[in-house]
C-alpha atoms as a PDB file:
ATOM      1  CA  UNK A   1      -0.537  -1.699  20.867  1.00  0.00           C
ATOM      2  CA  UNK A   2      -1.392  -3.307  17.534  1.00  0.00           C
ATOM      3  CA  UNK A   3      -5.062  -4.272  17.407  1.00  0.00           C
ATOM      4  CA  UNK A   4      -7.407  -6.176  15.157  1.00  0.00           C
ATOM      5  CA  UNK A   5     -11.102  -5.926  14.430  1.00  0.00           C
ATOM      6  CA  UNK A   6     -12.014  -9.568  13.901  1.00  0.00           C
ATOM      7  CA  UNK A   7     -11.875 -12.897  15.736  1.00  0.00           C
ATOM      8  CA  UNK A   8     -10.047 -16.229  15.573  1.00  0.00           C
ATOM      9  CA  UNK A   9      -6.611 -14.672  15.352  1.00  0.00           C
ATOM     10  CA  UNK A  10      -5.418 -17.855  17.076  1.00  0.00           C
ATOM     11  CA  UNK A  11      -6.304 -19.733  13.846  1.00  0.00           C
ATOM     12  CA  UNK A  12      -4.337 -17.227  11.760  1.00  0.00           C
ATOM     13  CA  UNK A  13      -1.421 -17.812  14.101  1.00  0.00           C
ATOM     14  CA  UNK A  14      -1.807 -21.604  13.875  1.00  0.00           C
ATOM     15  CA  UNK A  15      -1.957 -21.581  10.051  1.00  0.00           C
ATOM     16  CA  UNK A  16       1.016 -19.221   9.725  1.00  0.00           C
ATOM     17  CA  UNK A  17       3.248 -20.693  12.463  1.00  0.00           C
ATOM     18  CA  UNK A  18       6.312 -22.135  10.754  1.00  0.00           C
ATOM     19  CA  UNK A  19       4.728 -21.934   7.287  1.00  0.00           C
ATOM     20  CA  UNK A  20       7.590 -21.897   4.770  1.00  0.00           C
ATOM     21  CA  UNK A  21       7.031 -19.310   2.054  1.00  0.00           C
ATOM     22  CA  UNK A  22      10.039 -20.672   0.117  1.00  0.00           C
ATOM     23  CA  UNK A  23      11.261 -17.174  -0.730  1.00  0.00           C
ATOM     24  CA  UNK A  24       7.925 -15.939  -2.075  1.00  0.00           C
ATOM     25  CA  UNK A  25       5.909 -12.987  -0.758  1.00  0.00           C
ATOM     26  CA  UNK A  26       3.108 -12.921   1.784  1.00  0.00           C
ATOM     27  CA  UNK A  27       0.216 -10.472   1.659  1.00  0.00           C
ATOM     28  CA  UNK A  28      -2.769  -9.150   3.566  1.00  0.00           C
ATOM     29  CA  UNK A  29      -5.593  -7.315   1.833  1.00  0.00           C
ATOM     30  CA  UNK A  30      -7.222  -5.117   4.481  1.00  0.00           C
ATOM     31  CA  UNK A  31      -4.539  -4.250   7.038  1.00  0.00           C
ATOM     32  CA  UNK A  32      -6.495  -1.766   9.165  1.00  0.00           C
ATOM     33  CA  UNK A  33      -4.529  -1.494  12.449  1.00  0.00           C
ATOM     34  CA  UNK A  34      -2.194  -4.345  11.580  1.00  0.00           C
ATOM     35  CA  UNK A  35      -2.802  -7.327  13.884  1.00  0.00           C
ATOM     36  CA  UNK A  36      -3.280  -9.811  11.031  1.00  0.00           C
ATOM     37  CA  UNK A  37      -0.080  -8.711   9.279  1.00  0.00           C
ATOM     38  CA  UNK A  38       1.858  -8.746  12.562  1.00  0.00           C
ATOM     39  CA  UNK A  39       0.758 -12.315  13.319  1.00  0.00           C
ATOM     40  CA  UNK A  40       1.702 -13.427   9.821  1.00  0.00           C
ATOM     41  CA  UNK A  41       5.137 -11.772   9.891  1.00  0.00           C
ATOM     42  CA  UNK A  42       5.872 -13.129  13.375  1.00  0.00           C
ATOM     43  CA  UNK A  43       5.080 -16.715  12.351  1.00  0.00           C
ATOM     44  CA  UNK A  44       5.836 -17.477   8.699  1.00  0.00           C
ATOM     45  CA  UNK A  45       9.381 -18.283   7.627  1.00  0.00           C
ATOM     46  CA  UNK A  46      11.427 -17.683   4.477  1.00  0.00           C
ATOM     47  CA  UNK A  47       9.174 -15.057   2.916  1.00  0.00           C
ATOM     48  CA  UNK A  48      10.679 -12.417   0.660  1.00  0.00           C
ATOM     49  CA  UNK A  49       8.556  -9.576   2.095  1.00  0.00           C
ATOM     50  CA  UNK A  50       5.062  -9.114   3.540  1.00  0.00           C
ATOM     51  CA  UNK A  51       2.869  -6.722   1.563  1.00  0.00           C
ATOM     52  CA  UNK A  52      -0.025  -4.964   3.252  1.00  0.00           C
ATOM     53  CA  UNK A  53      -2.777  -3.472   1.105  1.00  0.00           C
ATOM     54  CA  UNK A  54      -5.234  -0.874   2.386  1.00  0.00           C
ATOM     55  CA  UNK A  55      -6.367   2.441   0.888  1.00  0.00           C
ATOM     56  CA  UNK A  56      -7.332   4.082   4.199  1.00  0.00           C
ATOM     57  CA  UNK A  57      -8.804   7.571   3.700  1.00  0.00           C
ATOM     58  CA  UNK A  58     -12.363   6.759   4.865  1.00  0.00           C
ATOM     59  CA  UNK A  59     -13.583   5.563   1.462  1.00  0.00           C
ATOM     60  CA  UNK A  60     -17.293   5.104   0.884  1.00  0.00           C
ATOM     61  CA  UNK A  61     -18.007   1.723  -0.757  1.00  0.00           C
ATOM     62  CA  UNK A  62     -20.245  -1.334  -0.526  1.00  0.00           C
ATOM     63  CA  UNK A  63     -18.528  -3.696   1.900  1.00  0.00           C
ATOM     64  CA  UNK A  64     -20.992  -6.657   1.976  1.00  0.00           C
ATOM     65  CA  UNK A  65     -23.305  -8.365  -0.528  1.00  0.00           C
ATOM     66  CA  UNK A  66     -26.505  -7.321   1.245  1.00  0.00           C
ATOM     67  CA  UNK A  67     -25.775  -3.761   2.351  1.00  0.00           C
ATOM     68  CA  UNK A  68     -25.501  -0.434   0.637  1.00  0.00           C
ATOM     69  CA  UNK A  69     -22.328   1.589   0.549  1.00  0.00           C
ATOM     70  CA  UNK A  70     -21.062   3.323   3.656  1.00  0.00           C
ATOM     71  CA  UNK A  71     -17.919   4.941   5.025  1.00  0.00           C
ATOM     72  CA  UNK A  72     -15.777   2.896   7.398  1.00  0.00           C
ATOM     73  CA  UNK A  73     -13.425   4.406   9.948  1.00  0.00           C
ATOM     74  CA  UNK A  74     -10.192   3.720   8.069  1.00  0.00           C
ATOM     75  CA  UNK A  75      -8.608   7.097   8.687  1.00  0.00           C
ATOM     76  CA  UNK A  76      -5.252   8.376   7.552  1.00  0.00           C
ATOM     77  CA  UNK A  77      -4.400   8.745  11.259  1.00  0.00           C
ATOM     78  CA  UNK A  78      -5.013   4.981  11.658  1.00  0.00           C
ATOM     79  CA  UNK A  79      -2.588   4.377   8.773  1.00  0.00           C
ATOM     80  CA  UNK A  80       0.041   6.645  10.325  1.00  0.00           C
ATOM     81  CA  UNK A  81      -0.258   4.886  13.700  1.00  0.00           C
ATOM     82  CA  UNK A  82       0.040   1.480  12.027  1.00  0.00           C
ATOM     83  CA  UNK A  83       3.122   2.584  10.097  1.00  0.00           C
ATOM     84  CA  UNK A  84       4.712   3.830  13.323  1.00  0.00           C
ATOM     85  CA  UNK A  85       3.863   0.548  15.079  1.00  0.00           C
ATOM     86  CA  UNK A  86       5.373  -1.374  12.138  1.00  0.00           C
ATOM     87  CA  UNK A  87       8.608   0.643  12.092  1.00  0.00           C
ATOM     88  CA  UNK A  88      10.714  -2.339  13.302  1.00  0.00           C
ATOM     89  CA  UNK A  89       9.296  -4.523  10.502  1.00  0.00           C
ATOM     90  CA  UNK A  90       9.740  -1.783   7.899  1.00  0.00           C
ATOM     91  CA  UNK A  91      13.304  -1.010   9.017  1.00  0.00           C
ATOM     92  CA  UNK A  92      14.155  -4.737   8.794  1.00  0.00           C
ATOM     93  CA  UNK A  93      12.788  -4.896   5.222  1.00  0.00           C
ATOM     94  CA  UNK A  94       9.969  -7.237   6.237  1.00  0.00           C
ATOM     95  CA  UNK A  95       6.933  -5.029   5.478  1.00  0.00           C
ATOM     96  CA  UNK A  96       5.758  -2.893   2.591  1.00  0.00           C
ATOM     97  CA  UNK A  97       2.458  -1.001   2.598  1.00  0.00           C
ATOM     98  CA  UNK A  98       0.563  -0.443  -0.643  1.00  0.00           C
ATOM     99  CA  UNK A  99      -1.829   2.416   0.098  1.00  0.00           C
ATOM    100  CA  UNK A 100      -4.406   1.572  -2.536  1.00  0.00           C
ATOM    101  CA  UNK A 101      -7.569  -0.431  -3.064  1.00  0.00           C
ATOM    102  CA  UNK A 102      -7.453  -4.136  -3.829  1.00  0.00           C
ATOM    103  CA  UNK A 103      -8.369  -3.362  -7.463  1.00  0.00           C
ATOM    104  CA  UNK A 104      -5.554  -0.824  -7.792  1.00  0.00           C
ATOM    105  CA  UNK A 105      -3.149  -3.289  -6.193  1.00  0.00           C
ATOM    106  CA  UNK A 106      -4.123  -6.060  -8.602  1.00  0.00           C
ATOM    107  CA  UNK A 107      -3.952  -3.813 -11.674  1.00  0.00           C
ATOM    108  CA  UNK A 108      -1.115  -1.377 -11.145  1.00  0.00           C
ATOM    109  CA  UNK A 109       1.119  -2.151  -8.199  1.00  0.00           C
ATOM    110  CA  UNK A 110       4.745  -3.147  -8.389  1.00  0.00           C
ATOM    111  CA  UNK A 111       3.676  -6.505  -6.932  1.00  0.00           C
ATOM    112  CA  UNK A 112       1.324  -7.551  -9.760  1.00  0.00           C
ATOM    113  CA  UNK A 113       3.945  -9.841 -11.324  1.00  0.00           C
ATOM    114  CA  UNK A 114       5.008 -11.410  -8.021  1.00  0.00           C
ATOM    115  CA  UNK A 115       4.293 -14.857  -6.587  1.00  0.00           C
ATOM    116  CA  UNK A 116       2.688 -15.229  -3.178  1.00  0.00           C
ATOM    117  CA  UNK A 117       2.745 -18.140  -0.731  1.00  0.00           C
ATOM    118  CA  UNK A 118       0.662 -16.846   2.195  1.00  0.00           C
ATOM    119  CA  UNK A 119      -2.354 -14.558   1.777  1.00  0.00           C
ATOM    120  CA  UNK A 120      -4.903 -13.176   4.240  1.00  0.00           C
ATOM    121  CA  UNK A 121      -8.007 -11.744   2.572  1.00  0.00           C
ATOM    122  CA  UNK A 122      -9.692  -9.303   4.952  1.00  0.00           C
ATOM    123  CA  UNK A 123     -10.644  -6.458   2.623  1.00  0.00           C
ATOM    124  CA  UNK A 124     -13.929  -6.096   0.769  1.00  0.00           C
ATOM    125  CA  UNK A 125     -16.413  -8.775   1.817  1.00  0.00           C
ATOM    126  CA  UNK A 126     -18.587  -8.885  -1.283  1.00  0.00           C
ATOM    127  CA  UNK A 127     -18.586 -12.273  -2.995  1.00  0.00           C
ATOM    128  CA  UNK A 128     -17.591 -10.856  -6.384  1.00  0.00           C
ATOM    129  CA  UNK A 129     -14.640  -8.972  -4.854  1.00  0.00           C
ATOM    130  CA  UNK A 130     -13.428 -12.010  -2.898  1.00  0.00           C
ATOM    131  CA  UNK A 131     -13.628 -14.165  -6.045  1.00  0.00           C
ATOM    132  CA  UNK A 132     -11.656 -11.578  -8.007  1.00  0.00           C
ATOM    133  CA  UNK A 133      -8.947 -11.425  -5.315  1.00  0.00           C
ATOM    134  CA  UNK A 134      -8.880 -15.226  -4.988  1.00  0.00           C
ATOM    135  CA  UNK A 135      -8.400 -15.837  -8.714  1.00  0.00           C
ATOM    136  CA  UNK A 136      -5.794 -13.075  -8.928  1.00  0.00           C
ATOM    137  CA  UNK A 137      -3.752 -14.675  -6.133  1.00  0.00           C
ATOM    138  CA  UNK A 138      -4.360 -18.209  -7.467  1.00  0.00           C
ATOM    139  CA  UNK A 139      -2.739 -17.139 -10.729  1.00  0.00           C
ATOM    140  CA  UNK A 140       0.256 -15.852  -8.747  1.00  0.00           C
ATOM    141  CA  UNK A 141       0.452 -18.613  -6.164  1.00  0.00           C
ATOM    142  CA  UNK A 142       3.610 -20.435  -5.170  1.00  0.00           C
ATOM    143  CA  UNK A 143       3.725 -24.247  -5.425  1.00  0.00           C
ATOM    144  CA  UNK A 144       2.628 -24.417  -1.777  1.00  0.00           C
ATOM    145  CA  UNK A 145       0.218 -21.608  -0.873  1.00  0.00           C
ATOM    146  CA  UNK A 146      -2.248 -20.865   1.878  1.00  0.00           C
ATOM    147  CA  UNK A 147      -5.071 -18.368   1.550  1.00  0.00           C
ATOM    148  CA  UNK A 148      -6.965 -17.384   4.692  1.00  0.00           C
ATOM    149  CA  UNK A 149     -10.395 -15.804   4.333  1.00  0.00           C
ATOM    150  CA  UNK A 150     -11.756 -13.627   7.122  1.00  0.00           C
ATOM    151  CA  UNK A 151     -15.481 -13.296   7.858  1.00  0.00           C
ATOM    152  CA  UNK A 152     -16.232 -16.030   5.299  1.00  0.00           C
ATOM    153  CA  UNK A 153     -19.849 -16.588   6.490  1.00  0.00           C
ATOM    154  CA  UNK A 154     -20.648 -13.076   5.204  1.00  0.00           C
ATOM    155  CA  UNK A 155     -20.141 -14.052   1.537  1.00  0.00           C
ATOM    156  CA  UNK A 156     -20.684 -17.094  -0.692  1.00  0.00           C
ATOM    157  CA  UNK A 157     -17.752 -19.202   0.475  1.00  0.00           C
ATOM    158  CA  UNK A 158     -19.105 -22.439  -1.059  1.00  0.00           C
ATOM    159  CA  UNK A 159     -18.928 -20.767  -4.485  1.00  0.00           C
ATOM    160  CA  UNK A 160     -15.413 -19.481  -3.780  1.00  0.00           C
ATOM    161  CA  UNK A 161     -14.318 -22.979  -2.699  1.00  0.00           C
ATOM    162  CA  UNK A 162     -15.606 -24.380  -6.023  1.00  0.00           C
ATOM    163  CA  UNK A 163     -13.730 -21.711  -7.972  1.00  0.00           C
ATOM    164  CA  UNK A 164     -10.527 -22.316  -6.016  1.00  0.00           C
ATOM    165  CA  UNK A 165     -10.723 -26.103  -6.531  1.00  0.00           C
ATOM    166  CA  UNK A 166      -9.996 -25.385 -10.214  1.00  0.00           C
ATOM    167  CA  UNK A 167      -6.677 -23.896  -9.098  1.00  0.00           C
ATOM    168  CA  UNK A 168      -5.785 -26.824  -6.839  1.00  0.00           C
ATOM    169  CA  UNK A 169      -6.897 -25.286  -3.521  1.00  0.00           C
ATOM    170  CA  UNK A 170      -8.676 -27.363  -0.896  1.00  0.00           C
ATOM    171  CA  UNK A 171     -10.045 -26.503   2.548  1.00  0.00           C
ATOM    172  CA  UNK A 172      -7.330 -27.172   5.112  1.00  0.00           C
ATOM    173  CA  UNK A 173      -9.373 -26.135   8.145  1.00  0.00           C
ATOM    174  CA  UNK A 174     -12.148 -23.744   9.108  1.00  0.00           C
ATOM    175  CA  UNK A 175     -13.342 -21.957  12.172  1.00  0.00           C
ATOM    176  CA  UNK A 176     -16.523 -19.991  12.696  1.00  0.00           C
ATOM    177  CA  UNK A 177     -15.066 -16.826  11.158  1.00  0.00           C
ATOM    178  CA  UNK A 178     -11.847 -17.779   9.319  1.00  0.00           C
ATOM    179  CA  UNK A 179     -11.148 -20.528   6.783  1.00  0.00           C
ATOM    180  CA  UNK A 180      -7.835 -21.680   5.330  1.00  0.00           C
ATOM    181  CA  UNK A 181      -7.496 -23.063   1.796  1.00  0.00           C
ATOM    182  CA  UNK A 182      -4.239 -24.662   0.707  1.00  0.00           C
ATOM    183  CA  UNK A 183      -2.625 -25.648  -2.582  1.00  0.00           C
ATOM    184  CA  UNK A 184       0.226 -28.107  -2.307  1.00  0.00           C
ATOM    185  CA  UNK A 185       2.030 -29.074  -5.518  1.00  0.00           C
ATOM    186  CA  UNK A 186       5.097 -30.500  -3.795  1.00  0.00           C
END
């Protein structure tokens, strides 16, 4: 059974249901056990491929603005279970896993020159990291793009909204834990 570690997955489903990626990629930073990526893949349409990004390996890093660094339980066994659970998506060419940090993904992956239409940011929850990811994806966004932020009350979302306004993104809808920003240049 594919599980998640957050809340408001019904909003992720609502925002992804029938969303047309127009042939561009979708992505989730912070896959963990895979529920977010599964919901996205089951609901969006016309995406080229869904890319999951997670380094696994129980890395020790600062996850939030106001905490020190610590080791999360992102084990290699969790990765292997997720990959087994995602075998139907992988075999159908719908899912690719980049086993690397968000910084490595943005700097060195084969996807760095791609365009993305649907993004779920559920990796590092430090404001500076979320801004970096947001700007990176904004510079690679399709004409119509949605970016969903998980756990947004844990970082400076008002600042991120201001930054993203410069790229044409506006708040589409927000819940208590997830918020969806959209750019629509159609």
